[in-house]
N, C-alpha and C. Protein backbone atom coordinates (compact mmCIF):
# COMPACT_ATOMS: atom_id res chain seq x y z
N MET A 1 96.93 114.15 126.87
CA MET A 1 95.67 114.43 127.51
C MET A 1 94.59 113.54 126.90
N PRO A 2 93.88 112.81 127.70
CA PRO A 2 92.79 111.98 127.19
C PRO A 2 91.65 112.85 126.65
N TYR A 3 90.87 112.26 125.76
CA TYR A 3 89.75 112.97 125.14
C TYR A 3 88.44 112.53 125.78
N ASP A 4 87.61 113.49 126.16
CA ASP A 4 86.31 113.19 126.74
C ASP A 4 85.26 112.92 125.68
N SER A 5 85.43 113.51 124.50
CA SER A 5 84.46 113.32 123.41
C SER A 5 85.19 113.38 122.08
N ILE A 6 84.52 112.92 121.03
CA ILE A 6 85.16 112.95 119.71
C ILE A 6 85.30 114.38 119.21
N ALA A 7 84.52 115.30 119.74
CA ALA A 7 84.64 116.71 119.35
C ALA A 7 85.99 117.29 119.75
N GLU A 8 86.66 116.66 120.72
CA GLU A 8 87.96 117.14 121.18
C GLU A 8 89.13 116.54 120.39
N LEU A 9 88.84 115.56 119.53
CA LEU A 9 89.92 114.94 118.75
C LEU A 9 90.57 115.96 117.84
N PRO A 10 91.82 115.73 117.46
CA PRO A 10 92.48 116.65 116.52
C PRO A 10 91.70 116.72 115.20
N GLU A 11 91.75 117.86 114.56
CA GLU A 11 91.07 118.03 113.28
C GLU A 11 91.54 117.01 112.26
N SER A 12 92.80 116.63 112.33
CA SER A 12 93.35 115.65 111.38
C SER A 12 92.68 114.29 111.52
N VAL A 13 92.04 114.04 112.64
CA VAL A 13 91.29 112.80 112.86
C VAL A 13 89.82 113.04 112.53
N ARG A 14 89.24 114.10 113.06
CA ARG A 14 87.82 114.39 112.84
C ARG A 14 87.48 114.60 111.38
N ASN A 15 88.38 115.22 110.64
CA ASN A 15 88.08 115.57 109.25
C ASN A 15 88.21 114.41 108.28
N VAL A 16 88.79 113.30 108.71
CA VAL A 16 89.00 112.20 107.77
C VAL A 16 88.30 110.90 108.14
N LEU A 17 88.01 110.70 109.41
CA LEU A 17 87.43 109.43 109.84
C LEU A 17 85.92 109.52 110.04
N PRO A 18 85.19 108.45 109.70
CA PRO A 18 83.77 108.39 110.04
C PRO A 18 83.59 108.37 111.56
N LYS A 19 82.40 108.69 112.03
CA LYS A 19 82.12 108.80 113.47
C LYS A 19 82.51 107.53 114.24
N ASP A 20 82.16 106.36 113.72
CA ASP A 20 82.49 105.11 114.41
C ASP A 20 84.00 104.96 114.55
N ALA A 21 84.73 105.30 113.52
CA ALA A 21 86.19 105.20 113.57
C ALA A 21 86.76 106.23 114.55
N GLN A 22 86.11 107.38 114.66
CA GLN A 22 86.55 108.37 115.63
C GLN A 22 86.38 107.85 117.06
N GLU A 23 85.30 107.13 117.30
CA GLU A 23 85.08 106.52 118.62
C GLU A 23 86.16 105.48 118.92
N ILE A 24 86.51 104.69 117.92
CA ILE A 24 87.58 103.70 118.08
C ILE A 24 88.88 104.41 118.41
N TYR A 25 89.18 105.46 117.67
CA TYR A 25 90.40 106.24 117.89
C TYR A 25 90.44 106.78 119.31
N LYS A 26 89.33 107.39 119.74
CA LYS A 26 89.27 108.00 121.07
C LYS A 26 89.50 106.95 122.17
N GLY A 27 88.82 105.83 122.05
CA GLY A 27 88.97 104.78 123.05
C GLY A 27 90.38 104.21 123.10
N ALA A 28 90.95 103.96 121.93
CA ALA A 28 92.31 103.42 121.88
C ALA A 28 93.33 104.45 122.38
N PHE A 29 93.14 105.69 122.00
CA PHE A 29 94.06 106.74 122.45
C PHE A 29 94.01 106.85 123.97
N ASN A 30 92.81 106.94 124.53
CA ASN A 30 92.68 107.09 125.98
C ASN A 30 93.28 105.92 126.73
N GLY A 31 93.05 104.71 126.26
CA GLY A 31 93.61 103.54 126.90
C GLY A 31 95.13 103.52 126.83
N ALA A 32 95.66 103.82 125.65
CA ALA A 32 97.11 103.83 125.47
C ALA A 32 97.76 104.96 126.26
N HIS A 33 97.11 106.11 126.32
CA HIS A 33 97.66 107.24 127.06
C HIS A 33 97.74 106.91 128.54
N GLU A 34 96.71 106.24 129.04
CA GLU A 34 96.71 105.84 130.45
C GLU A 34 97.81 104.81 130.71
N GLN A 35 97.99 103.89 129.78
CA GLN A 35 98.98 102.83 129.96
C GLN A 35 100.41 103.32 129.81
N TYR A 36 100.67 104.12 128.77
CA TYR A 36 102.04 104.51 128.45
C TYR A 36 102.42 105.91 128.91
N ASP A 37 101.43 106.80 129.15
CA ASP A 37 101.67 108.20 129.48
C ASP A 37 102.61 108.85 128.47
N ASP A 38 102.37 108.55 127.20
CA ASP A 38 103.18 109.07 126.10
C ASP A 38 102.23 109.40 124.95
N GLU A 39 102.07 110.69 124.67
CA GLU A 39 101.07 111.11 123.70
C GLU A 39 101.35 110.60 122.29
N SER A 40 102.59 110.62 121.85
CA SER A 40 102.88 110.16 120.50
C SER A 40 102.63 108.66 120.36
N ARG A 41 102.95 107.91 121.39
CA ARG A 41 102.69 106.47 121.37
C ARG A 41 101.18 106.21 121.41
N ALA A 42 100.45 107.02 122.14
CA ALA A 42 99.00 106.86 122.20
C ALA A 42 98.36 107.14 120.84
N HIS A 43 98.83 108.17 120.13
CA HIS A 43 98.30 108.45 118.78
C HIS A 43 98.62 107.30 117.83
N ALA A 44 99.82 106.77 117.90
CA ALA A 44 100.20 105.65 117.04
C ALA A 44 99.33 104.43 117.33
N THR A 45 99.07 104.17 118.60
CA THR A 45 98.23 103.05 119.00
C THR A 45 96.80 103.25 118.50
N ALA A 46 96.31 104.48 118.61
CA ALA A 46 94.95 104.79 118.16
C ALA A 46 94.81 104.58 116.65
N TRP A 47 95.78 105.04 115.87
CA TRP A 47 95.71 104.83 114.42
C TRP A 47 95.77 103.35 114.09
N ALA A 48 96.58 102.59 114.81
CA ALA A 48 96.67 101.14 114.57
C ALA A 48 95.31 100.48 114.84
N ALA A 49 94.63 100.91 115.88
CA ALA A 49 93.31 100.36 116.20
C ALA A 49 92.31 100.67 115.10
N VAL A 50 92.33 101.88 114.59
CA VAL A 50 91.43 102.27 113.50
C VAL A 50 91.72 101.42 112.26
N LYS A 51 92.99 101.23 111.95
CA LYS A 51 93.37 100.50 110.73
C LYS A 51 93.02 99.02 110.79
N LYS A 52 92.73 98.49 111.97
CA LYS A 52 92.27 97.10 112.07
C LYS A 52 90.84 96.95 111.56
N ARG A 53 90.03 98.00 111.70
CA ARG A 53 88.62 97.93 111.30
C ARG A 53 88.28 98.76 110.08
N TYR A 54 89.17 99.69 109.72
CA TYR A 54 88.93 100.58 108.58
C TYR A 54 90.14 100.59 107.67
N GLU A 55 89.90 100.92 106.40
CA GLU A 55 91.00 101.10 105.47
C GLU A 55 90.71 102.31 104.60
N LYS A 56 91.78 102.95 104.17
CA LYS A 56 91.64 104.13 103.33
C LYS A 56 91.48 103.66 101.89
N GLY A 57 90.40 104.05 101.26
CA GLY A 57 90.11 103.64 99.89
C GLY A 57 90.88 104.45 98.87
N ASP A 58 90.79 104.01 97.63
CA ASP A 58 91.43 104.72 96.52
C ASP A 58 90.89 106.13 96.36
N ASP A 59 89.67 106.34 96.86
CA ASP A 59 89.06 107.67 96.77
C ASP A 59 89.51 108.59 97.90
N GLY A 60 90.38 108.07 98.80
CA GLY A 60 90.92 108.89 99.87
C GLY A 60 90.07 108.93 101.13
N THR A 61 88.93 108.22 101.13
CA THR A 61 88.09 108.19 102.32
C THR A 61 88.25 106.84 103.03
N TRP A 62 87.93 106.83 104.31
CA TRP A 62 88.07 105.63 105.13
C TRP A 62 86.78 104.83 105.10
N HIS A 63 86.92 103.50 104.90
CA HIS A 63 85.78 102.58 104.79
C HIS A 63 86.01 101.41 105.73
N LYS A 64 84.90 100.85 106.25
CA LYS A 64 85.00 99.64 107.08
C LYS A 64 85.57 98.50 106.25
N ARG A 65 86.42 97.73 106.88
CA ARG A 65 86.94 96.53 106.23
C ARG A 65 85.85 95.47 106.17
N ASP A 66 85.94 94.61 105.19
CA ASP A 66 84.97 93.51 105.05
C ASP A 66 85.18 92.43 106.07
């Protein structure tokens, strides 16, 4: 199911990613879900999109890449 807003994202995404990264996740998920019609593949695609612009720091929080 595509997400209309970041408030609808799973808690596992909302609780760890900054707002901008959540928007990236939502957009990538929705696009992949439309293309593949496979929820697990859409989540994997969304995480890959986030990891292109963000990285998890040693402190366990996500930060924009340089």
